[in-house]
């Protein structure tokens, strides 16, 4: 794990870096489980940035930052929902996602939440399983005219 990376709250000036992290994760990591058409549809979410910016303007938002800049981010919004857990490809498998998830779960507990939920991609599904989440259902969603399968998952805190 990269001990030089710090976990901190998101600041509005982080938005350009958040968009870069999102694009990088989708373009570099998602092709392991998704078709090129799906990757393009997924990545398009960050192309204009307005919707992602709106999502980053609310909830409990955290980033992992190293000397190289923002490496990962995640959001708890609403208070029982883990969303937008993304890590740059160069920074994956360094414990960043685990640090973020543990911090979000700690915050949810602090707020009195007994169960947290998420919608896990095919990429993040094994990660959430390792962290005690169970699959509630498999669902198909549409993004930019392209279908995706994902897992609705939850964990009792």
N, C-alpha and C. Protein backbone atom coordinates (compact mmCIF):
# COMPACT_ATOMS: atom_id res chain seq x y z
N UNK A 1 0.84 -1.18 0.00
CA UNK A 1 0.00 0.00 0.00
C UNK A 1 0.88 1.24 0.00
N UNK A 2 0.49 2.25 -0.73
CA UNK A 2 1.24 3.48 -0.82
C UNK A 2 0.99 4.31 0.43
N UNK A 3 1.97 4.36 1.34
CA UNK A 3 1.79 5.10 2.58
C UNK A 3 1.95 6.60 2.38
N UNK A 4 2.46 7.02 1.24
CA UNK A 4 2.61 8.44 0.95
C UNK A 4 1.29 9.07 0.54
N UNK A 5 0.34 8.28 0.14
CA UNK A 5 -0.95 8.81 -0.30
C UNK A 5 -1.79 9.16 0.93
N UNK A 6 -2.46 10.30 0.86
CA UNK A 6 -3.30 10.73 1.98
C UNK A 6 -4.78 10.61 1.60
N UNK A 7 -5.56 10.31 2.59
CA UNK A 7 -7.02 10.26 2.46
C UNK A 7 -7.53 11.59 3.00
N UNK A 8 -8.33 12.29 2.20
CA UNK A 8 -8.86 13.57 2.64
C UNK A 8 -10.23 13.81 2.01
N UNK A 9 -10.91 14.82 2.52
CA UNK A 9 -12.20 15.18 1.95
C UNK A 9 -12.01 15.86 0.60
N UNK A 10 -12.96 15.65 -0.27
CA UNK A 10 -12.99 16.26 -1.59
C UNK A 10 -13.15 17.77 -1.46
N UNK A 11 -12.50 18.50 -2.36
CA UNK A 11 -12.66 19.96 -2.47
C UNK A 11 -13.12 20.26 -3.90
N UNK A 12 -13.92 21.30 -4.10
CA UNK A 12 -14.41 21.61 -5.45
C UNK A 12 -13.30 21.75 -6.49
N UNK A 13 -12.14 22.23 -6.10
CA UNK A 13 -11.04 22.37 -7.06
C UNK A 13 -10.47 21.02 -7.50
N UNK A 14 -10.90 19.93 -6.86
CA UNK A 14 -10.48 18.58 -7.27
C UNK A 14 -11.22 18.09 -8.50
N UNK A 15 -12.29 18.76 -8.90
CA UNK A 15 -13.14 18.24 -9.97
C UNK A 15 -12.38 17.87 -11.24
N UNK A 16 -11.48 18.69 -11.79
CA UNK A 16 -10.77 18.26 -13.00
C UNK A 16 -10.00 16.95 -12.79
N UNK A 17 -9.38 16.80 -11.63
CA UNK A 17 -8.65 15.56 -11.34
C UNK A 17 -9.60 14.38 -11.21
N UNK A 18 -10.78 14.61 -10.61
CA UNK A 18 -11.79 13.55 -10.47
C UNK A 18 -12.23 13.07 -11.86
N UNK A 19 -12.46 14.01 -12.75
CA UNK A 19 -12.85 13.64 -14.12
C UNK A 19 -11.74 12.82 -14.78
N UNK A 20 -10.49 13.19 -14.57
CA UNK A 20 -9.36 12.43 -15.12
C UNK A 20 -9.29 11.02 -14.54
N UNK A 21 -9.47 10.91 -13.23
CA UNK A 21 -9.44 9.59 -12.58
C UNK A 21 -10.54 8.72 -13.15
N UNK A 22 -11.74 9.28 -13.26
CA UNK A 22 -12.88 8.53 -13.79
C UNK A 22 -12.58 8.02 -15.21
N UNK A 23 -12.15 8.93 -16.09
CA UNK A 23 -11.85 8.55 -17.47
C UNK A 23 -10.76 7.48 -17.53
N UNK A 24 -9.71 7.67 -16.75
CA UNK A 24 -8.61 6.72 -16.74
C UNK A 24 -9.08 5.35 -16.28
N UNK A 25 -9.83 5.30 -15.20
CA UNK A 25 -10.31 4.01 -14.69
C UNK A 25 -11.16 3.29 -15.72
N UNK A 26 -12.07 4.02 -16.33
CA UNK A 26 -12.96 3.40 -17.30
C UNK A 26 -12.19 2.96 -18.55
N UNK A 27 -11.34 3.81 -19.06
CA UNK A 27 -10.59 3.49 -20.29
C UNK A 27 -9.52 2.43 -20.09
N UNK A 28 -8.89 2.39 -18.90
CA UNK A 28 -7.77 1.48 -18.68
C UNK A 28 -8.14 0.19 -17.96
N UNK A 29 -9.12 0.23 -17.08
CA UNK A 29 -9.46 -0.95 -16.27
C UNK A 29 -10.69 -1.69 -16.80
N UNK A 30 -11.72 -0.95 -17.21
CA UNK A 30 -12.97 -1.57 -17.64
C UNK A 30 -12.84 -2.51 -18.84
N UNK A 31 -11.90 -2.31 -19.78
CA UNK A 31 -11.82 -3.24 -20.91
C UNK A 31 -11.58 -4.70 -20.52
N UNK A 32 -11.18 -4.95 -19.29
CA UNK A 32 -10.99 -6.33 -18.83
C UNK A 32 -12.32 -7.08 -18.74
N UNK A 33 -13.43 -6.35 -18.60
CA UNK A 33 -14.73 -7.02 -18.43
C UNK A 33 -15.82 -6.50 -19.36
N UNK A 34 -15.54 -5.45 -20.12
CA UNK A 34 -16.56 -4.83 -20.94
C UNK A 34 -16.12 -4.71 -22.39
N UNK A 35 -17.09 -4.65 -23.28
CA UNK A 35 -16.81 -4.49 -24.71
C UNK A 35 -16.36 -3.06 -24.99
N UNK A 36 -15.71 -2.82 -26.13
CA UNK A 36 -15.34 -1.45 -26.48
C UNK A 36 -16.56 -0.51 -26.53
N UNK A 37 -17.68 -1.00 -27.01
CA UNK A 37 -18.90 -0.19 -27.06
C UNK A 37 -19.34 0.21 -25.64
N UNK A 38 -19.28 -0.74 -24.71
CA UNK A 38 -19.66 -0.44 -23.33
C UNK A 38 -18.68 0.55 -22.69
N UNK A 39 -17.39 0.35 -22.93
CA UNK A 39 -16.39 1.26 -22.38
C UNK A 39 -16.62 2.68 -22.89
N UNK A 40 -16.87 2.83 -24.17
CA UNK A 40 -17.12 4.16 -24.74
C UNK A 40 -18.36 4.80 -24.14
N UNK A 41 -19.42 4.03 -23.98
CA UNK A 41 -20.66 4.56 -23.40
C UNK A 41 -20.44 4.97 -21.94
N UNK A 42 -19.68 4.16 -21.22
CA UNK A 42 -19.40 4.43 -19.81
C UNK A 42 -18.52 5.67 -19.68
N UNK A 43 -17.49 5.76 -20.48
CA UNK A 43 -16.55 6.89 -20.42
C UNK A 43 -17.22 8.20 -20.81
N UNK A 44 -18.24 8.15 -21.65
CA UNK A 44 -18.92 9.35 -22.10
C UNK A 44 -19.53 10.13 -20.94
N UNK A 45 -19.80 9.46 -19.84
CA UNK A 45 -20.36 10.10 -18.64
C UNK A 45 -19.48 11.26 -18.17
N UNK A 46 -18.17 11.14 -18.35
CA UNK A 46 -17.24 12.18 -17.88
C UNK A 46 -16.85 13.16 -18.97
N UNK A 47 -17.28 12.93 -20.19
CA UNK A 47 -16.85 13.81 -21.28
C UNK A 47 -17.31 15.25 -21.10
N UNK A 48 -18.57 15.44 -20.74
CA UNK A 48 -19.05 16.79 -20.52
C UNK A 48 -18.81 17.20 -19.07
N UNK A 49 -18.91 16.26 -18.15
CA UNK A 49 -18.56 16.51 -16.76
C UNK A 49 -19.65 17.09 -15.89
N UNK A 50 -20.72 17.61 -16.48
CA UNK A 50 -21.74 18.27 -15.67
C UNK A 50 -22.44 17.31 -14.71
N UNK A 51 -22.80 16.13 -15.19
CA UNK A 51 -23.51 15.18 -14.33
C UNK A 51 -22.60 14.68 -13.21
N UNK A 52 -21.36 14.38 -13.55
CA UNK A 52 -20.41 13.94 -12.52
C UNK A 52 -20.14 15.08 -11.53
N UNK A 53 -20.03 16.30 -12.03
CA UNK A 53 -19.83 17.46 -11.15
C UNK A 53 -21.01 17.60 -10.19
N UNK A 54 -22.22 17.40 -10.69
CA UNK A 54 -23.40 17.48 -9.82
C UNK A 54 -23.36 16.40 -8.74
N UNK A 55 -22.95 15.20 -9.12
CA UNK A 55 -22.86 14.11 -8.14
C UNK A 55 -21.77 14.40 -7.10
N UNK A 56 -20.70 15.06 -7.51
CA UNK A 56 -19.60 15.37 -6.59
C UNK A 56 -19.90 16.59 -5.73
N UNK A 57 -21.04 17.23 -5.93
CA UNK A 57 -21.38 18.41 -5.15
C UNK A 57 -22.18 18.06 -3.90
N UNK A 58 -22.44 16.78 -3.69
CA UNK A 58 -23.25 16.38 -2.54
C UNK A 58 -22.73 15.10 -1.92
N UNK A 59 -23.16 14.84 -0.70
CA UNK A 59 -22.76 13.64 0.00
C UNK A 59 -21.42 13.77 0.70
N UNK A 60 -20.97 12.67 1.23
CA UNK A 60 -19.68 12.59 1.91
C UNK A 60 -18.68 12.11 0.88
N UNK A 61 -17.74 12.98 0.50
CA UNK A 61 -16.85 12.73 -0.63
C UNK A 61 -15.40 12.70 -0.17
N UNK A 62 -14.69 11.68 -0.60
CA UNK A 62 -13.30 11.51 -0.21
C UNK A 62 -12.43 11.29 -1.43
N UNK A 63 -11.16 11.68 -1.29
CA UNK A 63 -10.17 11.41 -2.32
C UNK A 63 -8.92 10.84 -1.67
N UNK A 64 -8.16 10.12 -2.46
CA UNK A 64 -6.81 9.69 -2.09
C UNK A 64 -5.88 10.50 -2.98
N UNK A 65 -4.94 11.18 -2.34
CA UNK A 65 -4.01 12.03 -3.09
C UNK A 65 -2.57 11.64 -2.78
N UNK A 66 -1.78 11.51 -3.83
CA UNK A 66 -0.35 11.24 -3.69
C UNK A 66 0.42 12.44 -4.21
N UNK A 67 1.72 12.34 -4.23
CA UNK A 67 2.54 13.41 -4.80
C UNK A 67 2.19 13.64 -6.27
N UNK A 68 1.70 12.60 -6.94
CA UNK A 68 1.33 12.71 -8.36
C UNK A 68 -0.05 13.34 -8.57
N UNK A 69 -0.82 13.51 -7.50
CA UNK A 69 -2.15 14.09 -7.61
C UNK A 69 -3.23 13.14 -7.10
N UNK A 70 -4.47 13.44 -7.43
CA UNK A 70 -5.59 12.60 -6.99
C UNK A 70 -5.51 11.26 -7.70
N UNK A 71 -5.53 10.19 -6.93
CA UNK A 71 -5.40 8.83 -7.45
C UNK A 71 -6.71 8.05 -7.42
N UNK A 72 -7.60 8.41 -6.48
CA UNK A 72 -8.85 7.66 -6.31
C UNK A 72 -9.86 8.55 -5.59
N UNK A 73 -11.13 8.19 -5.73
CA UNK A 73 -12.19 8.93 -5.04
C UNK A 73 -13.39 8.04 -4.83
N UNK A 74 -14.25 8.46 -3.91
CA UNK A 74 -15.49 7.73 -3.63
C UNK A 74 -16.46 8.67 -2.93
N UNK A 75 -17.75 8.30 -3.00
CA UNK A 75 -18.82 9.12 -2.44
C UNK A 75 -19.78 8.24 -1.65
N UNK A 76 -20.26 8.78 -0.55
CA UNK A 76 -21.34 8.17 0.21
C UNK A 76 -22.54 9.11 0.05
N UNK A 77 -23.48 8.73 -0.81
CA UNK A 77 -24.64 9.58 -1.07
C UNK A 77 -25.73 8.79 -1.77
N UNK A 78 -26.90 8.64 -1.12
CA UNK A 78 -27.23 9.09 0.22
C UNK A 78 -26.38 8.38 1.28
N UNK A 79 -26.71 8.60 2.54
CA UNK A 79 -25.85 8.14 3.64
C UNK A 79 -25.71 6.62 3.73
N UNK A 80 -26.52 5.87 3.00
CA UNK A 80 -26.42 4.41 3.02
C UNK A 80 -25.98 3.83 1.66
N UNK A 81 -25.40 4.69 0.80
CA UNK A 81 -25.09 4.23 -0.56
C UNK A 81 -23.66 4.62 -0.96
N UNK A 82 -22.84 3.61 -1.21
CA UNK A 82 -21.48 3.81 -1.69
C UNK A 82 -21.53 3.95 -3.20
N UNK A 83 -21.05 5.09 -3.69
CA UNK A 83 -21.07 5.29 -5.14
C UNK A 83 -19.75 5.90 -5.61
N UNK A 84 -19.55 5.84 -6.90
CA UNK A 84 -18.39 6.46 -7.54
C UNK A 84 -17.07 6.09 -6.88
N UNK A 85 -16.82 4.82 -6.71
CA UNK A 85 -15.54 4.36 -6.17
C UNK A 85 -14.63 4.06 -7.36
N UNK A 86 -13.71 4.98 -7.65
CA UNK A 86 -12.85 4.87 -8.83
C UNK A 86 -11.40 5.12 -8.45
N UNK A 87 -10.51 4.41 -9.14
CA UNK A 87 -9.08 4.53 -8.91
C UNK A 87 -8.36 4.54 -10.27
N UNK A 88 -7.36 5.39 -10.40
CA UNK A 88 -6.54 5.38 -11.62
C UNK A 88 -5.89 4.01 -11.79
N UNK A 89 -5.70 3.63 -13.02
CA UNK A 89 -5.07 2.33 -13.30
C UNK A 89 -3.68 2.25 -12.68
N UNK A 90 -2.89 3.32 -12.77
CA UNK A 90 -1.52 3.29 -12.24
C UNK A 90 -1.50 3.13 -10.72
N UNK A 91 -2.61 3.46 -10.08
CA UNK A 91 -2.68 3.41 -8.62
C UNK A 91 -3.54 2.26 -8.11
N UNK A 92 -3.98 1.40 -9.00
CA UNK A 92 -4.83 0.28 -8.56
C UNK A 92 -3.98 -0.76 -7.83
N UNK A 93 -4.66 -1.55 -7.03
CA UNK A 93 -4.02 -2.62 -6.26
C UNK A 93 -2.99 -2.09 -5.26
N UNK A 94 -3.23 -0.89 -4.76
CA UNK A 94 -2.36 -0.30 -3.74
C UNK A 94 -3.11 -0.02 -2.43
N UNK A 95 -4.33 -0.51 -2.34
CA UNK A 95 -5.12 -0.34 -1.12
C UNK A 95 -5.97 0.91 -1.07
N UNK A 96 -5.96 1.71 -2.13
CA UNK A 96 -6.72 2.96 -2.12
C UNK A 96 -8.22 2.71 -2.01
N UNK A 97 -8.74 1.80 -2.80
CA UNK A 97 -10.18 1.52 -2.76
C UNK A 97 -10.59 1.01 -1.38
N UNK A 98 -9.77 0.18 -0.78
CA UNK A 98 -10.07 -0.34 0.55
C UNK A 98 -10.10 0.80 1.57
N UNK A 99 -9.13 1.69 1.51
CA UNK A 99 -9.10 2.83 2.44
C UNK A 99 -10.35 3.69 2.27
N UNK A 100 -10.72 3.95 1.02
CA UNK A 100 -11.91 4.75 0.77
C UNK A 100 -13.16 4.05 1.29
N UNK A 101 -13.32 2.78 0.97
CA UNK A 101 -14.51 2.04 1.40
C UNK A 101 -14.60 1.99 2.92
N UNK A 102 -13.50 1.70 3.58
CA UNK A 102 -13.52 1.65 5.05
C UNK A 102 -13.90 3.00 5.64
N UNK A 103 -13.40 4.08 5.06
CA UNK A 103 -13.74 5.42 5.56
C UNK A 103 -15.21 5.74 5.33
N UNK A 104 -15.75 5.35 4.18
CA UNK A 104 -17.17 5.57 3.92
C UNK A 104 -18.04 4.76 4.88
N UNK A 105 -17.66 3.52 5.12
CA UNK A 105 -18.42 2.69 6.06
C UNK A 105 -18.36 3.25 7.47
N UNK A 106 -17.21 3.76 7.87
CA UNK A 106 -17.07 4.38 9.19
C UNK A 106 -18.00 5.58 9.30
N UNK A 107 -18.05 6.39 8.26
CA UNK A 107 -18.94 7.56 8.26
C UNK A 107 -20.41 7.12 8.31
N UNK A 108 -20.76 6.08 7.56
CA UNK A 108 -22.14 5.59 7.59
C UNK A 108 -22.51 5.12 9.00
N UNK A 109 -21.60 4.39 9.65
CA UNK A 109 -21.86 3.95 11.04
C UNK A 109 -22.05 5.17 11.95
N UNK A 110 -21.19 6.18 11.79
CA UNK A 110 -21.28 7.39 12.60
C UNK A 110 -22.65 8.04 12.44
N UNK A 111 -23.22 7.92 11.26
CA UNK A 111 -24.54 8.50 10.98
C UNK A 111 -25.69 7.58 11.38
N UNK A 112 -25.37 6.44 11.97
CA UNK A 112 -26.40 5.53 12.44
C UNK A 112 -26.95 4.59 11.39
N UNK A 113 -26.26 4.45 10.28
CA UNK A 113 -26.71 3.58 9.21
C UNK A 113 -26.36 2.13 9.57
N UNK A 114 -27.32 1.22 9.44
CA UNK A 114 -27.10 -0.18 9.78
C UNK A 114 -26.71 -1.04 8.58
N UNK A 115 -27.08 -0.60 7.38
CA UNK A 115 -26.79 -1.36 6.16
C UNK A 115 -26.44 -0.39 5.04
N UNK A 116 -25.33 -0.70 4.35
CA UNK A 116 -24.95 0.12 3.19
C UNK A 116 -25.19 -0.67 1.92
N UNK A 117 -25.43 0.06 0.85
CA UNK A 117 -25.75 -0.52 -0.45
C UNK A 117 -24.81 0.04 -1.50
N UNK A 118 -24.71 -0.68 -2.62
CA UNK A 118 -23.96 -0.19 -3.77
C UNK A 118 -24.46 -0.89 -5.02
N UNK A 119 -24.10 -0.35 -6.15
CA UNK A 119 -24.31 -1.00 -7.44
C UNK A 119 -22.92 -1.26 -8.00
N UNK A 120 -22.51 -2.50 -7.99
CA UNK A 120 -21.14 -2.86 -8.36
C UNK A 120 -21.05 -3.30 -9.81
N UNK A 121 -20.09 -2.73 -10.50
CA UNK A 121 -19.80 -3.14 -11.87
C UNK A 121 -19.23 -4.55 -11.87
N UNK A 122 -19.07 -5.13 -13.04
CA UNK A 122 -18.43 -6.44 -13.14
C UNK A 122 -16.99 -6.37 -12.64
N UNK A 123 -16.37 -5.20 -12.75
CA UNK A 123 -15.01 -4.99 -12.27
C UNK A 123 -14.96 -4.93 -10.75
N UNK A 124 -15.87 -4.16 -10.14
CA UNK A 124 -15.81 -3.97 -8.69
C UNK A 124 -16.53 -5.05 -7.88
N UNK A 125 -17.31 -5.87 -8.53
CA UNK A 125 -18.05 -6.93 -7.83
C UNK A 125 -17.15 -7.79 -6.94
N UNK A 126 -16.03 -8.33 -7.43
CA UNK A 126 -15.17 -9.15 -6.55
C UNK A 126 -14.60 -8.35 -5.37
N UNK A 127 -14.28 -7.10 -5.59
CA UNK A 127 -13.77 -6.23 -4.51
C UNK A 127 -14.80 -6.13 -3.38
N UNK A 128 -16.05 -5.84 -3.74
CA UNK A 128 -17.08 -5.71 -2.72
C UNK A 128 -17.35 -7.05 -2.03
N UNK A 129 -17.30 -8.14 -2.75
CA UNK A 129 -17.45 -9.46 -2.11
C UNK A 129 -16.37 -9.67 -1.05
N UNK A 130 -15.13 -9.33 -1.39
CA UNK A 130 -14.02 -9.48 -0.44
C UNK A 130 -14.21 -8.63 0.81
N UNK A 131 -14.98 -7.57 0.69
CA UNK A 131 -15.19 -6.68 1.82
C UNK A 131 -16.53 -6.91 2.52
N UNK A 132 -17.09 -8.09 2.32
CA UNK A 132 -18.26 -8.50 3.08
C UNK A 132 -19.62 -8.13 2.50
N UNK A 133 -19.64 -7.64 1.29
CA UNK A 133 -20.91 -7.31 0.64
C UNK A 133 -21.51 -8.58 0.03
N UNK A 134 -22.82 -8.64 0.01
CA UNK A 134 -23.53 -9.76 -0.60
C UNK A 134 -24.34 -9.25 -1.79
N UNK A 135 -24.50 -10.10 -2.78
CA UNK A 135 -25.30 -9.73 -3.95
C UNK A 135 -26.77 -9.84 -3.59
N UNK A 136 -27.49 -8.75 -3.80
CA UNK A 136 -28.94 -8.75 -3.59
C UNK A 136 -29.65 -9.11 -4.88
N UNK A 137 -29.15 -8.60 -5.99
CA UNK A 137 -29.75 -8.89 -7.29
C UNK A 137 -28.80 -8.48 -8.41
N UNK A 138 -28.98 -9.09 -9.55
CA UNK A 138 -28.28 -8.69 -10.75
C UNK A 138 -29.25 -7.83 -11.54
N UNK A 139 -28.78 -6.71 -12.07
CA UNK A 139 -29.67 -5.85 -12.84
C UNK A 139 -28.99 -5.43 -14.13
N UNK A 140 -29.80 -5.06 -15.08
CA UNK A 140 -29.31 -4.54 -16.36
C UNK A 140 -29.72 -3.08 -16.42
N UNK A 141 -28.75 -2.20 -16.72
CA UNK A 141 -29.02 -0.79 -16.85
C UNK A 141 -28.54 -0.32 -18.22
N UNK A 142 -29.04 0.81 -18.64
CA UNK A 142 -28.66 1.36 -19.95
C UNK A 142 -27.93 2.67 -19.73
N UNK A 143 -26.80 2.83 -20.41
CA UNK A 143 -26.02 4.06 -20.38
C UNK A 143 -25.72 4.46 -21.81
N UNK A 144 -26.18 5.62 -22.20
CA UNK A 144 -25.92 6.11 -23.55
C UNK A 144 -26.29 5.09 -24.62
N UNK A 145 -27.42 4.44 -24.43
CA UNK A 145 -27.92 3.50 -25.41
C UNK A 145 -27.29 2.11 -25.38
N UNK A 146 -26.46 1.84 -24.38
CA UNK A 146 -25.76 0.55 -24.29
C UNK A 146 -26.13 -0.12 -22.96
N UNK A 147 -26.42 -1.42 -23.01
CA UNK A 147 -26.79 -2.17 -21.80
C UNK A 147 -25.56 -2.63 -21.04
N UNK A 148 -25.69 -2.60 -19.70
CA UNK A 148 -24.65 -3.07 -18.78
C UNK A 148 -25.30 -3.94 -17.72
N UNK A 149 -24.60 -4.97 -17.31
CA UNK A 149 -25.02 -5.76 -16.15
C UNK A 149 -24.22 -5.25 -14.95
N UNK A 150 -24.90 -5.19 -13.81
CA UNK A 150 -24.21 -4.84 -12.57
C UNK A 150 -24.91 -5.54 -11.41
N UNK A 151 -24.26 -5.54 -10.28
CA UNK A 151 -24.77 -6.23 -9.11
C UNK A 151 -25.21 -5.20 -8.06
N UNK A 152 -26.45 -5.33 -7.64
CA UNK A 152 -26.91 -4.56 -6.46
C UNK A 152 -26.42 -5.36 -5.27
N UNK A 153 -25.66 -4.70 -4.40
CA UNK A 153 -25.05 -5.39 -3.26
C UNK A 153 -25.30 -4.60 -1.98
N UNK A 154 -25.19 -5.29 -0.84
CA UNK A 154 -25.34 -4.61 0.44
C UNK A 154 -24.51 -5.31 1.50
N UNK A 155 -24.32 -4.58 2.59
CA UNK A 155 -23.54 -5.10 3.72
C UNK A 155 -24.11 -4.53 5.00
N UNK A 156 -24.29 -5.41 5.98
CA UNK A 156 -24.72 -4.96 7.32
C UNK A 156 -23.47 -4.45 8.03
N UNK A 157 -23.61 -3.26 8.60
CA UNK A 157 -22.47 -2.66 9.33
C UNK A 157 -22.45 -3.06 10.78
